[in-house]
C-alpha atoms as a PDB file:
ATOM      1  CA  UNK A   1      12.038   4.171  16.774  1.00  0.00           C
ATOM      2  CA  UNK A   2      10.071   5.229  13.681  1.00  0.00           C
ATOM      3  CA  UNK A   3       8.666   2.118  11.975  1.00  0.00           C
ATOM      4  CA  UNK A   4       6.525   1.066   9.065  1.00  0.00           C
ATOM      5  CA  UNK A   5       5.572  -2.228   7.447  1.00  0.00           C
ATOM      6  CA  UNK A   6       6.127  -2.399   3.730  1.00  0.00           C
ATOM      7  CA  UNK A   7       7.050  -4.190   0.538  1.00  0.00           C
ATOM      8  CA  UNK A   8      10.269  -2.946  -1.027  1.00  0.00           C
ATOM      9  CA  UNK A   9      10.377  -3.001  -4.806  1.00  0.00           C
ATOM     10  CA  UNK A  10      12.689  -5.507  -6.439  1.00  0.00           C
ATOM     11  CA  UNK A  11      15.977  -4.062  -7.750  1.00  0.00           C
ATOM     12  CA  UNK A  12      14.795  -4.377 -11.381  1.00  0.00           C
ATOM     13  CA  UNK A  13      11.486  -2.649 -10.696  1.00  0.00           C
ATOM     14  CA  UNK A  14      13.195   0.077  -8.632  1.00  0.00           C
ATOM     15  CA  UNK A  15      15.525   0.793 -11.549  1.00  0.00           C
ATOM     16  CA  UNK A  16      12.613   0.965 -13.997  1.00  0.00           C
ATOM     17  CA  UNK A  17      10.638   3.343 -11.743  1.00  0.00           C
ATOM     18  CA  UNK A  18      13.756   5.459 -11.090  1.00  0.00           C
ATOM     19  CA  UNK A  19      14.210   5.952 -14.854  1.00  0.00           C
ATOM     20  CA  UNK A  20      10.639   7.236 -15.098  1.00  0.00           C
ATOM     21  CA  UNK A  21      11.184   9.567 -12.130  1.00  0.00           C
ATOM     22  CA  UNK A  22      14.305  10.927 -13.836  1.00  0.00           C
ATOM     23  CA  UNK A  23      12.212  11.782 -16.897  1.00  0.00           C
ATOM     24  CA  UNK A  24       9.712  13.647 -14.694  1.00  0.00           C
ATOM     25  CA  UNK A  25      12.301  15.659 -12.708  1.00  0.00           C
ATOM     26  CA  UNK A  26      12.694  18.342 -15.341  1.00  0.00           C
ATOM     27  CA  UNK A  27       8.995  18.330 -16.254  1.00  0.00           C
ATOM     28  CA  UNK A  28       7.867  18.876 -12.652  1.00  0.00           C
ATOM     29  CA  UNK A  29      10.685  20.636 -10.769  1.00  0.00           C
ATOM     30  CA  UNK A  30       8.625  21.571  -7.694  1.00  0.00           C
ATOM     31  CA  UNK A  31       8.552  18.004  -6.305  1.00  0.00           C
ATOM     32  CA  UNK A  32      10.888  16.229  -3.852  1.00  0.00           C
ATOM     33  CA  UNK A  33      11.356  12.944  -5.697  1.00  0.00           C
ATOM     34  CA  UNK A  34      11.775   9.635  -3.868  1.00  0.00           C
ATOM     35  CA  UNK A  35      15.294   8.211  -4.001  1.00  0.00           C
ATOM     36  CA  UNK A  36      15.569   4.897  -5.879  1.00  0.00           C
ATOM     37  CA  UNK A  37      16.656   2.969  -2.762  1.00  0.00           C
ATOM     38  CA  UNK A  38      13.547   4.100  -0.880  1.00  0.00           C
ATOM     39  CA  UNK A  39      10.897   2.979  -3.406  1.00  0.00           C
ATOM     40  CA  UNK A  40       8.385   0.760  -1.619  1.00  0.00           C
ATOM     41  CA  UNK A  41       4.712   0.145  -0.865  1.00  0.00           C
ATOM     42  CA  UNK A  42       3.754   1.184   2.657  1.00  0.00           C
ATOM     43  CA  UNK A  43       1.319  -1.310   4.151  1.00  0.00           C
ATOM     44  CA  UNK A  44       1.108   0.296   7.606  1.00  0.00           C
ATOM     45  CA  UNK A  45       2.879   3.348   8.984  1.00  0.00           C
ATOM     46  CA  UNK A  46       3.339   2.767  12.706  1.00  0.00           C
ATOM     47  CA  UNK A  47       5.226   5.908  13.708  1.00  0.00           C
ATOM     48  CA  UNK A  48       7.231   5.930  16.917  1.00  0.00           C
ATOM     49  CA  UNK A  49       7.308   2.464  18.503  1.00  0.00           C
ATOM     50  CA  UNK A  50       8.987   1.688  21.809  1.00  0.00           C
ATOM     51  CA  UNK A  51      11.765  -0.869  21.551  1.00  0.00           C
ATOM     52  CA  UNK A  52       9.913  -3.030  24.085  1.00  0.00           C
ATOM     53  CA  UNK A  53       6.985  -3.340  21.618  1.00  0.00           C
ATOM     54  CA  UNK A  54       8.999  -4.332  18.536  1.00  0.00           C
ATOM     55  CA  UNK A  55       8.830  -8.094  19.223  1.00  0.00           C
ATOM     56  CA  UNK A  56       5.012  -7.988  19.378  1.00  0.00           C
ATOM     57  CA  UNK A  57       4.894  -6.038  16.094  1.00  0.00           C
ATOM     58  CA  UNK A  58       7.307  -8.535  14.531  1.00  0.00           C
ATOM     59  CA  UNK A  59       5.049 -11.406  15.630  1.00  0.00           C
ATOM     60  CA  UNK A  60       2.020  -9.657  14.083  1.00  0.00           C
ATOM     61  CA  UNK A  61       3.877  -9.230  10.784  1.00  0.00           C
ATOM     62  CA  UNK A  62       4.908 -12.907  10.855  1.00  0.00           C
ATOM     63  CA  UNK A  63       1.331 -14.030  11.527  1.00  0.00           C
ATOM     64  CA  UNK A  64      -0.081 -12.080   8.596  1.00  0.00           C
ATOM     65  CA  UNK A  65       2.709 -13.002   6.192  1.00  0.00           C
ATOM     66  CA  UNK A  66       2.463 -16.698   6.953  1.00  0.00           C
ATOM     67  CA  UNK A  67      -1.285 -16.650   6.227  1.00  0.00           C
ATOM     68  CA  UNK A  68      -0.839 -15.194   2.700  1.00  0.00           C
ATOM     69  CA  UNK A  69       0.649 -16.666  -0.469  1.00  0.00           C
ATOM     70  CA  UNK A  70       3.291 -14.999  -2.654  1.00  0.00           C
ATOM     71  CA  UNK A  71       1.759 -13.009  -5.534  1.00  0.00           C
ATOM     72  CA  UNK A  72       2.706 -10.930  -8.540  1.00  0.00           C
ATOM     73  CA  UNK A  73       2.046  -7.223  -8.697  1.00  0.00           C
ATOM     74  CA  UNK A  74       2.089  -4.961 -11.737  1.00  0.00           C
ATOM     75  CA  UNK A  75       2.680  -1.240 -11.798  1.00  0.00           C
ATOM     76  CA  UNK A  76       0.266   1.033 -13.593  1.00  0.00           C
ATOM     77  CA  UNK A  77      -0.239   4.750 -14.113  1.00  0.00           C
ATOM     78  CA  UNK A  78       0.306   7.918 -12.152  1.00  0.00           C
ATOM     79  CA  UNK A  79      -2.023   8.966  -9.358  1.00  0.00           C
ATOM     80  CA  UNK A  80      -2.063  11.737  -6.777  1.00  0.00           C
ATOM     81  CA  UNK A  81      -3.270  12.504  -3.268  1.00  0.00           C
ATOM     82  CA  UNK A  82      -5.540  14.308  -2.675  1.00  0.00           C
ATOM     83  CA  UNK A  83      -6.174  14.853  -6.423  1.00  0.00           C
ATOM     84  CA  UNK A  84      -4.336  15.601  -9.671  1.00  0.00           C
ATOM     85  CA  UNK A  85      -5.369  19.274  -9.664  1.00  0.00           C
ATOM     86  CA  UNK A  86      -3.571  19.948  -6.377  1.00  0.00           C
ATOM     87  CA  UNK A  87      -1.247  16.994  -5.802  1.00  0.00           C
ATOM     88  CA  UNK A  88       0.662  16.789  -2.552  1.00  0.00           C
ATOM     89  CA  UNK A  89       1.828  13.225  -3.239  1.00  0.00           C
ATOM     90  CA  UNK A  90       2.484  11.717  -6.665  1.00  0.00           C
ATOM     91  CA  UNK A  91       2.287   7.953  -6.778  1.00  0.00           C
ATOM     92  CA  UNK A  92       2.478   4.961  -9.058  1.00  0.00           C
ATOM     93  CA  UNK A  93      -0.509   2.630  -8.948  1.00  0.00           C
ATOM     94  CA  UNK A  94      -0.320  -1.084  -8.218  1.00  0.00           C
ATOM     95  CA  UNK A  95      -2.485  -3.848  -9.693  1.00  0.00           C
ATOM     96  CA  UNK A  96      -2.396  -7.058  -7.694  1.00  0.00           C
ATOM     97  CA  UNK A  97      -5.901  -8.527  -7.587  1.00  0.00           C
ATOM     98  CA  UNK A  98      -6.394  -7.272  -4.028  1.00  0.00           C
ATOM     99  CA  UNK A  99      -3.513  -9.287  -2.520  1.00  0.00           C
ATOM    100  CA  UNK A 100      -1.763  -6.300  -0.941  1.00  0.00           C
ATOM    101  CA  UNK A 101      -5.051  -5.041   0.506  1.00  0.00           C
ATOM    102  CA  UNK A 102      -5.668  -8.462   2.070  1.00  0.00           C
ATOM    103  CA  UNK A 103      -2.331  -8.227   3.882  1.00  0.00           C
ATOM    104  CA  UNK A 104      -3.227  -4.731   5.106  1.00  0.00           C
ATOM    105  CA  UNK A 105      -6.582  -6.005   6.436  1.00  0.00           C
ATOM    106  CA  UNK A 106      -4.778  -8.745   8.336  1.00  0.00           C
ATOM    107  CA  UNK A 107      -2.251  -6.255   9.730  1.00  0.00           C
ATOM    108  CA  UNK A 108      -5.069  -3.923  10.839  1.00  0.00           C
ATOM    109  CA  UNK A 109      -6.768  -6.742  12.749  1.00  0.00           C
ATOM    110  CA  UNK A 110      -3.533  -8.095  14.242  1.00  0.00           C
ATOM    111  CA  UNK A 111      -2.021  -4.751  15.226  1.00  0.00           C
ATOM    112  CA  UNK A 112      -5.142  -3.163  16.731  1.00  0.00           C
ATOM    113  CA  UNK A 113      -4.909  -5.140  20.018  1.00  0.00           C
ATOM    114  CA  UNK A 114      -1.321  -3.830  20.293  1.00  0.00           C
ATOM    115  CA  UNK A 115      -2.594  -0.233  20.273  1.00  0.00           C
ATOM    116  CA  UNK A 116      -2.228   0.588  16.567  1.00  0.00           C
ATOM    117  CA  UNK A 117      -5.610   1.841  15.389  1.00  0.00           C
ATOM    118  CA  UNK A 118      -6.517   0.900  11.793  1.00  0.00           C
ATOM    119  CA  UNK A 119      -6.040   3.617   9.199  1.00  0.00           C
ATOM    120  CA  UNK A 120      -9.309   5.496   8.689  1.00  0.00           C
ATOM    121  CA  UNK A 121      -8.643   6.238   5.019  1.00  0.00           C
ATOM    122  CA  UNK A 122      -9.152   3.420   2.574  1.00  0.00           C
ATOM    123  CA  UNK A 123      -6.019   1.629   1.403  1.00  0.00           C
ATOM    124  CA  UNK A 124      -4.780   2.329  -2.124  1.00  0.00           C
ATOM    125  CA  UNK A 125      -1.723   0.233  -2.984  1.00  0.00           C
ATOM    126  CA  UNK A 126       0.871   2.588  -4.435  1.00  0.00           C
ATOM    127  CA  UNK A 127       4.526   3.568  -4.589  1.00  0.00           C
ATOM    128  CA  UNK A 128       5.181   7.172  -3.589  1.00  0.00           C
ATOM    129  CA  UNK A 129       7.166   8.845  -6.363  1.00  0.00           C
ATOM    130  CA  UNK A 130       7.434  12.299  -4.830  1.00  0.00           C
ATOM    131  CA  UNK A 131       5.931  15.000  -2.628  1.00  0.00           C
ATOM    132  CA  UNK A 132       5.122  18.600  -3.510  1.00  0.00           C
ATOM    133  CA  UNK A 133       7.522  21.167  -2.109  1.00  0.00           C
ATOM    134  CA  UNK A 134       4.727  23.669  -1.392  1.00  0.00           C
ATOM    135  CA  UNK A 135       1.390  23.598   0.407  1.00  0.00           C
ATOM    136  CA  UNK A 136      -0.371  24.472  -2.815  1.00  0.00           C
ATOM    137  CA  UNK A 137       0.752  21.209  -4.372  1.00  0.00           C
ATOM    138  CA  UNK A 138       1.389  20.719  -8.067  1.00  0.00           C
ATOM    139  CA  UNK A 139      -1.075  20.746 -10.933  1.00  0.00           C
ATOM    140  CA  UNK A 140      -0.164  17.449 -12.550  1.00  0.00           C
ATOM    141  CA  UNK A 141      -2.470  17.996 -15.517  1.00  0.00           C
ATOM    142  CA  UNK A 142      -0.282  20.960 -16.504  1.00  0.00           C
ATOM    143  CA  UNK A 143       2.617  18.556 -17.144  1.00  0.00           C
ATOM    144  CA  UNK A 144       2.104  16.363 -20.213  1.00  0.00           C
ATOM    145  CA  UNK A 145       5.009  14.034 -19.319  1.00  0.00           C
ATOM    146  CA  UNK A 146       3.329  13.213 -16.003  1.00  0.00           C
ATOM    147  CA  UNK A 147      -0.175  12.647 -17.301  1.00  0.00           C
ATOM    148  CA  UNK A 148       1.127  10.146 -19.852  1.00  0.00           C
ATOM    149  CA  UNK A 149       3.259   8.202 -17.354  1.00  0.00           C
ATOM    150  CA  UNK A 150       2.674   4.461 -17.309  1.00  0.00           C
ATOM    151  CA  UNK A 151       5.290   2.103 -15.922  1.00  0.00           C
ATOM    152  CA  UNK A 152       4.928  -1.426 -17.266  1.00  0.00           C
ATOM    153  CA  UNK A 153       6.697  -3.474 -14.629  1.00  0.00           C
ATOM    154  CA  UNK A 154       6.012  -6.410 -12.369  1.00  0.00           C
ATOM    155  CA  UNK A 155       7.553  -8.312  -9.498  1.00  0.00           C
ATOM    156  CA  UNK A 156       6.934 -11.292  -7.271  1.00  0.00           C
ATOM    157  CA  UNK A 157       6.012 -10.295  -3.728  1.00  0.00           C
ATOM    158  CA  UNK A 158       7.287 -12.986  -1.397  1.00  0.00           C
ATOM    159  CA  UNK A 159       7.904 -11.019   1.798  1.00  0.00           C
ATOM    160  CA  UNK A 160       6.646  -8.221   4.022  1.00  0.00           C
ATOM    161  CA  UNK A 161       9.209  -6.205   5.959  1.00  0.00           C
ATOM    162  CA  UNK A 162       9.309  -4.284   9.214  1.00  0.00           C
ATOM    163  CA  UNK A 163      11.367  -1.211   8.366  1.00  0.00           C
ATOM    164  CA  UNK A 164      12.926   1.481  10.515  1.00  0.00           C
ATOM    165  CA  UNK A 165      13.042   4.939   8.981  1.00  0.00           C
ATOM    166  CA  UNK A 166      16.022   7.101   9.960  1.00  0.00           C
ATOM    167  CA  UNK A 167      15.312  10.785   9.422  1.00  0.00           C
ATOM    168  CA  UNK A 168      17.927  13.501   9.216  1.00  0.00           C
ATOM    169  CA  UNK A 169      19.584  15.638   6.621  1.00  0.00           C
ATOM    170  CA  UNK A 170      18.824  14.414   3.142  1.00  0.00           C
ATOM    171  CA  UNK A 171      16.485  11.564   2.228  1.00  0.00           C
ATOM    172  CA  UNK A 172      15.227   9.141   4.864  1.00  0.00           C
ATOM    173  CA  UNK A 173      17.346   6.017   5.244  1.00  0.00           C
ATOM    174  CA  UNK A 174      15.487   2.704   5.585  1.00  0.00           C
ATOM    175  CA  UNK A 175      16.750  -0.205   7.661  1.00  0.00           C
ATOM    176  CA  UNK A 176      15.017  -3.585   7.403  1.00  0.00           C
ATOM    177  CA  UNK A 177      14.559  -4.917  10.949  1.00  0.00           C
ATOM    178  CA  UNK A 178      12.666  -8.054   9.997  1.00  0.00           C
ATOM    179  CA  UNK A 179      11.526  -9.859   6.836  1.00  0.00           C
ATOM    180  CA  UNK A 180       8.462 -12.109   7.082  1.00  0.00           C
ATOM    181  CA  UNK A 181       8.099 -14.515   4.180  1.00  0.00           C
ATOM    182  CA  UNK A 182       4.641 -14.945   2.651  1.00  0.00           C
ATOM    183  CA  UNK A 183       3.260 -18.442   3.051  1.00  0.00           C
ATOM    184  CA  UNK A 184       5.641 -19.089   5.920  1.00  0.00           C
ATOM    185  CA  UNK A 185       8.575 -19.701   3.584  1.00  0.00           C
ATOM    186  CA  UNK A 186      12.184 -19.004   4.458  1.00  0.00           C
ATOM    187  CA  UNK A 187      14.585 -16.496   2.974  1.00  0.00           C
END
């Protein structure tokens, strides 16, 4: 099964971000925009994981979540991978005082013995807003509405989730397999 570990945005923050995406749709038509229900922060993409290994991954997520405290994150401005001049991925930045990165570091250390090599690229906490439809990407600076985008939202992060991604026709569907509460709390 195709898995990732992430933080889903709260319903209020998802709605706020979705409104901003709606404003960008007409300004930048050559982007596949993320559906509101799928807005999240990916902490670790695991890819295909055998069902026999899911319990060990779940235990790793629990261990990291229980060692961290709940925190507040704030959204910020628009960013792009690899760069604004030729964006393949448009994203919304996250300010959280390094809390999300600390969880990722813990996950890297805990998952590596299970065969999941740490990501070689540095971690930038973000919410993917959309992906370019072409290999050439989009020139974000050519779109005034995009360059001025700032989403002023916040949410309490109190859990990390193990999520299964179902691919098929249309947008990916996400199924939460396990929620690990930060600080060892209960849902």
